[in-house]
Protein backbone atom coordinates (compact mmCIF):
# COMPACT_ATOMS: atom_id res chain seq x y z
CA MET A 1 111.92 38.19 -57.20
CA LEU A 2 113.14 35.04 -55.95
CA THR A 3 112.98 32.99 -59.12
CA PRO A 4 113.94 29.05 -59.74
CA ALA A 5 117.03 30.09 -61.57
CA ILE A 6 118.16 32.53 -58.85
CA ILE A 7 117.79 29.84 -56.28
CA ALA A 8 119.60 27.22 -58.27
CA ASP A 9 122.62 29.51 -58.81
CA VAL A 10 122.62 30.24 -55.21
CA VAL A 11 122.33 26.41 -54.08
CA ASP A 12 125.00 25.39 -56.91
CA ARG A 13 127.37 27.85 -55.61
CA ALA A 14 127.06 26.97 -51.84
CA LEU A 15 127.14 23.29 -52.79
CA ALA A 16 130.43 23.65 -54.75
CA GLU A 17 131.88 25.89 -51.91
CA ASP A 18 131.09 23.16 -49.15
CA SER A 19 131.61 20.17 -50.90
CA PRO A 20 133.50 20.43 -53.89
CA TRP A 21 134.74 16.95 -54.23
CA GLY A 22 131.95 15.38 -52.38
CA ASP A 23 131.33 14.54 -48.80
CA ILE A 24 134.23 12.31 -47.82
CA THR A 25 133.05 11.61 -44.21
CA SER A 26 129.78 10.61 -45.19
CA GLU A 27 130.91 8.46 -48.09
CA LEU A 28 133.54 6.82 -45.78
CA LEU A 29 131.07 6.12 -42.86
CA ILE A 30 127.54 5.80 -44.14
CA PRO A 31 126.38 2.97 -46.21
CA ALA A 32 125.24 3.96 -49.54
CA ASP A 33 121.84 2.42 -49.23
CA ALA A 34 121.17 4.03 -45.81
CA GLU A 35 117.87 5.95 -45.54
CA VAL A 36 117.09 8.57 -42.75
CA VAL A 37 114.19 10.78 -41.97
CA ALA A 38 115.57 14.29 -40.64
CA THR A 39 113.27 17.06 -38.99
CA MET A 40 114.24 20.73 -39.14
CA ASP A 41 113.21 22.10 -35.70
CA ALA A 42 112.91 25.68 -34.35
CA ARG A 43 115.15 26.14 -31.02
CA GLU A 44 113.54 29.60 -30.78
CA PRO A 45 110.46 31.19 -31.74
CA GLY A 46 110.32 33.20 -35.23
CA VAL A 47 108.93 34.03 -38.68
CA PHE A 48 109.68 31.26 -41.39
CA SER A 49 111.36 32.07 -44.55
CA GLY A 50 113.21 29.92 -47.43
CA SER A 51 110.77 26.87 -48.25
CA ALA A 52 111.77 27.03 -51.74
CA VAL A 53 115.38 27.35 -51.12
CA LEU A 54 114.99 24.14 -48.60
CA VAL A 55 113.58 22.25 -51.18
CA ALA A 56 115.97 23.21 -53.92
CA VAL A 57 119.11 22.30 -51.63
CA PHE A 58 118.02 18.73 -51.20
CA ALA A 59 116.58 18.36 -54.91
CA ALA A 60 120.19 19.55 -55.81
CA VAL A 61 121.91 16.89 -53.87
CA ASP A 62 119.49 13.90 -54.58
CA ALA A 63 116.53 14.04 -56.59
CA ARG A 64 115.38 11.24 -54.24
CA ILE A 65 114.98 13.11 -51.11
CA ARG A 66 111.43 14.31 -50.25
CA VAL A 67 111.18 17.55 -48.22
CA ASP A 68 107.69 18.09 -46.67
CA VAL A 69 107.69 21.82 -45.36
CA GLU A 70 105.20 22.05 -42.39
CA VAL A 71 104.71 25.75 -42.08
CA ARG A 72 104.34 28.64 -44.75
CA ASP A 73 106.57 31.16 -45.63
CA GLY A 74 105.78 34.32 -43.38
CA GLU A 75 104.03 32.00 -40.66
CA ARG A 76 104.98 32.51 -37.01
CA PHE A 77 106.04 29.43 -35.04
CA GLU A 78 107.19 28.53 -31.41
CA ALA A 79 110.20 27.07 -30.21
CA GLY A 80 110.20 23.25 -30.53
CA ALA A 81 108.28 23.29 -33.91
CA VAL A 82 108.59 21.08 -36.67
CA LEU A 83 109.36 23.10 -39.50
CA ALA A 84 109.99 20.27 -42.26
CA ARG A 85 110.64 16.75 -42.59
CA ILE A 86 113.26 15.50 -44.95
CA THR A 87 113.19 11.95 -46.02
CA GLY A 88 115.75 9.78 -48.31
CA PRO A 89 119.33 8.75 -48.68
CA ALA A 90 121.37 9.48 -45.81
CA ARG A 91 124.30 10.61 -47.68
CA GLY A 92 122.42 13.19 -49.67
CA VAL A 93 120.64 14.50 -46.63
CA LEU A 94 123.93 14.99 -44.56
CA ARG A 95 125.80 16.58 -47.33
CA GLY A 96 122.81 19.15 -47.85
CA GLU A 97 122.25 19.84 -44.14
CA ARG A 98 124.43 22.65 -43.64
CA ILE A 99 123.73 24.71 -46.84
CA ALA A 100 120.03 24.24 -46.01
CA LEU A 101 120.35 25.37 -42.53
CA ASN A 102 122.63 28.33 -43.39
CA LEU A 103 120.42 29.80 -45.87
CA VAL A 104 116.91 29.02 -44.16
CA GLN A 105 118.20 30.11 -40.70
CA ARG A 106 119.27 33.57 -41.99
CA MET A 107 116.35 33.95 -44.36
CA SER A 108 114.11 33.16 -41.23
CA GLY A 109 116.10 35.61 -38.82
CA ILE A 110 115.50 38.38 -41.73
CA ALA A 111 111.93 37.70 -41.46
CA THR A 112 111.57 37.61 -37.90
CA LEU A 113 113.40 40.97 -37.47
CA THR A 114 111.40 42.48 -40.15
CA ALA A 115 108.17 41.24 -38.51
CA ARG A 116 109.04 43.27 -35.34
CA TYR A 117 109.85 46.39 -36.97
CA VAL A 118 106.39 46.14 -38.87
CA ALA A 119 104.57 45.43 -35.50
CA GLU A 120 106.46 48.85 -34.16
CA ALA A 121 104.87 50.66 -37.10
CA ALA A 122 101.63 49.03 -36.99
CA GLY A 123 98.68 51.87 -36.89
CA THR A 124 100.62 54.40 -39.25
CA LYS A 125 100.77 54.08 -42.91
CA ALA A 126 104.49 53.88 -42.86
CA ARG A 127 105.99 50.96 -44.97
CA ILE A 128 109.09 49.22 -43.66
CA VAL A 129 111.43 48.76 -46.49
CA ASP A 130 114.86 47.12 -46.81
CA THR A 131 118.01 48.68 -48.73
CA ARG A 132 121.13 47.60 -50.91
CA LYS A 133 123.08 46.63 -47.61
CA THR A 134 122.54 43.00 -48.29
CA THR A 135 124.99 39.97 -48.53
CA PRO A 136 126.64 39.97 -52.01
CA GLY A 137 125.24 36.96 -53.99
CA LEU A 138 122.14 36.45 -51.54
CA ARG A 139 120.11 39.68 -52.23
CA ALA A 140 116.83 37.90 -53.85
CA LEU A 141 116.93 35.54 -50.80
CA GLU A 142 117.22 38.16 -48.49
CA ARG A 143 114.74 40.56 -49.87
CA GLN A 144 112.12 37.50 -50.12
CA ALA A 145 112.80 37.01 -46.58
CA VAL A 146 111.77 40.97 -46.03
CA ARG A 147 108.51 40.46 -47.90
CA ASP A 148 107.65 37.34 -45.86
CA GLY A 149 108.26 39.27 -42.65
CA GLY A 150 105.82 41.78 -43.89
CA GLY A 151 108.11 44.47 -44.99
CA HIS A 152 108.64 45.58 -48.74
CA ASN A 153 111.66 46.20 -50.97
CA HIS A 154 113.21 49.46 -52.11
CA ARG A 155 114.87 49.39 -55.38
CA TYR A 156 116.66 46.25 -56.24
CA SER A 157 119.84 47.49 -57.92
CA LEU A 158 121.46 50.50 -59.13
CA SER A 159 119.68 49.98 -62.45
CA ASP A 160 115.94 50.07 -61.23
CA ALA A 161 115.41 53.63 -60.54
CA VAL A 162 117.55 56.90 -59.86
CA LEU A 163 118.41 57.68 -56.15
CA ALA A 164 120.38 60.87 -55.92
CA LYS A 165 122.17 60.92 -52.63
CA ASP A 166 124.45 64.00 -51.14
CA ASN A 167 127.62 63.16 -53.40
CA HIS A 168 125.49 62.96 -56.42
CA LEU A 169 123.84 66.12 -55.61
CA ALA A 170 127.13 67.96 -54.94
CA VAL A 171 128.73 67.42 -58.12
CA LEU A 172 125.20 67.63 -59.98
CA ALA A 173 124.38 71.15 -58.23
CA ALA A 174 128.25 72.20 -59.37
CA GLN A 175 127.45 71.70 -62.60
CA HIS A 176 124.64 74.06 -62.80
CA GLY A 177 125.78 76.84 -60.90
CA GLY A 178 124.32 75.74 -57.83
CA ASP A 179 120.65 75.50 -58.78
CA LEU A 180 119.69 72.38 -57.60
CA THR A 181 116.34 72.63 -58.92
CA ALA A 182 117.69 73.31 -62.49
CA ALA A 183 119.91 70.26 -62.03
CA LEU A 184 117.29 67.75 -61.05
CA ARG A 185 114.90 69.07 -63.70
CA ALA A 186 117.51 68.31 -66.47
CA VAL A 187 117.89 64.90 -65.10
CA ARG A 188 113.82 64.35 -65.02
CA ALA A 189 113.97 65.35 -68.68
CA GLN A 190 116.05 62.69 -69.50
CA LEU A 191 114.22 59.89 -67.86
CA SER A 192 111.40 57.98 -69.07
CA HIS A 193 108.07 58.46 -67.66
CA THR A 194 108.51 54.86 -65.85
CA THR A 195 111.63 55.46 -63.99
CA HIS A 196 111.40 56.50 -60.44
CA LEU A 197 113.33 59.30 -59.26
CA GLU A 198 114.13 59.82 -55.63
CA VAL A 199 116.21 62.27 -53.83
CA GLU A 200 118.07 62.56 -50.32
CA VAL A 201 118.05 65.67 -48.54
CA ASP A 202 119.98 66.33 -44.90
CA ARG A 203 118.32 69.54 -44.31
CA ILE A 204 114.96 71.20 -44.43
CA ASP A 205 115.81 74.06 -46.75
CA GLN A 206 116.59 71.37 -49.54
CA ILE A 207 113.09 70.34 -49.58
CA GLU A 208 111.41 73.02 -51.65
CA PRO A 209 114.01 73.13 -54.20
CA VAL A 210 114.21 69.14 -54.64
CA LEU A 211 110.37 69.27 -55.12
CA ALA A 212 110.23 71.77 -57.53
CA ALA A 213 112.09 69.92 -59.67
CA GLY A 214 109.05 67.24 -59.55
CA VAL A 215 110.79 64.34 -57.84
CA ASP A 216 108.77 61.10 -57.00
CA THR A 217 110.31 60.46 -53.43
CA ILE A 218 112.16 62.44 -51.45
CA MET A 219 114.24 60.88 -48.68
CA LEU A 220 114.75 62.84 -45.66
CA ASP A 221 118.20 61.48 -43.98
CA ASN A 222 118.95 61.30 -40.19
CA PHE A 223 116.34 63.92 -39.36
CA THR A 224 114.86 64.16 -35.85
CA PRO A 225 111.21 63.25 -35.39
CA ASP A 226 110.53 66.75 -35.02
CA GLU A 227 112.26 67.73 -38.50
CA LEU A 228 110.51 64.68 -40.15
CA ARG A 229 107.02 65.97 -39.20
CA GLU A 230 108.13 69.39 -40.36
CA GLY A 231 109.07 67.84 -43.57
CA VAL A 232 106.14 66.16 -44.11
CA ALA A 233 104.09 69.27 -43.57
CA ILE A 234 106.12 70.74 -46.12
CA VAL A 235 105.82 67.99 -49.01
CA ALA A 236 102.08 68.09 -48.28
CA GLY A 237 101.59 64.94 -50.61
CA ARG A 238 103.41 66.69 -53.43
CA ALA A 239 105.92 63.43 -53.36
CA LEU A 240 106.46 60.12 -51.02
CA VAL A 241 108.43 60.97 -48.07
CA GLU A 242 110.97 58.42 -47.00
CA ALA A 243 112.87 58.27 -43.60
CA SER A 244 116.22 57.06 -43.47
CA GLY A 245 119.14 56.92 -40.83
CA GLY A 246 119.04 56.22 -37.12
CA VAL A 247 116.34 53.77 -37.39
CA ASN A 248 116.44 50.90 -34.89
CA LEU A 249 113.48 49.10 -32.99
CA ASP A 250 113.44 51.80 -30.35
CA THR A 251 112.98 54.69 -32.95
CA VAL A 252 111.08 53.25 -35.57
CA GLY A 253 107.44 53.48 -33.97
CA VAL A 254 108.11 57.25 -33.31
CA ILE A 255 109.44 57.81 -36.84
CA ALA A 256 106.56 56.10 -38.18
CA SER A 257 104.08 58.28 -36.16
CA THR A 258 105.54 61.58 -37.98
CA GLY A 259 103.62 60.57 -41.03
CA VAL A 260 106.45 59.56 -43.41
CA ASP A 261 105.28 56.96 -46.07
CA ILE A 262 108.43 54.67 -45.95
CA ILE A 263 111.05 53.75 -43.53
CA SER A 264 114.07 52.27 -44.90
CA VAL A 265 116.16 50.17 -42.32
CA GLY A 266 119.53 48.63 -43.12
CA ALA A 267 119.59 46.64 -40.44
CA LEU A 268 116.97 44.19 -41.55
CA THR A 269 119.73 42.65 -43.71
CA HIS A 270 123.14 44.13 -42.86
CA SER A 271 123.17 43.17 -39.34
CA VAL A 272 120.50 40.64 -38.77
CA ARG A 273 121.13 37.39 -36.56
CA SER A 274 120.40 34.09 -37.85
CA LEU A 275 117.84 32.25 -36.36
CA ASP A 276 118.61 29.19 -34.44
CA LEU A 277 117.17 26.09 -36.25
CA GLY A 278 118.69 22.35 -36.16
CA LEU A 279 118.22 19.38 -38.26
CA ASP A 280 118.16 16.10 -36.46
CA VAL A 281 118.57 12.85 -38.12
CA GLY A 282 117.03 9.68 -37.37
CA LEU A 283 117.04 6.04 -39.20
CA HIS A 284 114.30 5.35 -41.78
CA PRO A 285 111.90 3.15 -39.76
C-alpha cells in the first residue's frame, strides 16, 4: 500500500536528484519573501491520482506551503479543470513544481489508462490487474494509480506469492522425471496455507496436470479467445483463471468475455503516457 513513509522516501529521493544543493535560479531571481498562488491545471481530460504525493512534495520543500486539492483520487476531470491550488513562498513552490508534476502526471496517466481498460471489460466478471513491470522505485505509487483507475493489483513483489512460469516449470519438472503434477504437489506441501500458488501454462494440455496439484490460480498465457473459453471450461471453477499476453485496448473486451477471472496488463505501467498537466504561478494577491 502507498504509505506516508513510502511517499516521503520517493519525494526525498526526487528532490535530492533535482535540486541537490538548492534551486540556484530561484534563489538568485526570486526575493525570499515573495508569495505566490499556483494552480495545477488539466490540459486534457483524465482520471486523477496522486493527491497525497502532491501534498507531500510541497510539504517537504517548505512546510509553509498550503496545498488544496480540488479533485479526489479516482475522479474524472475535463481539460481546463483546476486540480489543485498551491499557496506559499515562491521559492518553495518553484522548487517543488517539476517533481510534483512529474509524479502526479505519471500517476494520473496510469489511472486514466486503467479506467479505459476497466470500461472495456465492463459487464464481465474479469478484473483488470497490473504486473511487476513498474518503474523501479515507483511501484507503490504506480500501483496506487492502478487502483485509482478502478483496477486491481497483482502480487506486489517476488516475496508475496508463488508464481511459477515456464522457466520455473522446465527446471521443476526435470527434477521430478517430467511429472509436473508431482513437482507442483511437492511445492504445495512446502507452502503455508496462507501463501497463494499460481502457475502459468501456455498449452491446453498443461491445464489438467496443473489443476491436479491443487493450485489457486492458473494463468493462461498467450491463449487465443477460443482457447481461453476452452480453458475456462476445463478449469470449471476449480481455480481462478488469469489471462495474460496479447492484451491491449482492442483485445481486452473479447478476452474479458471468455469468462476469465483476471486479466493482467503490463501496459498499465510499463508503456503508459503521462497525462498533460500544468502548474501556472501568479503573485499572491
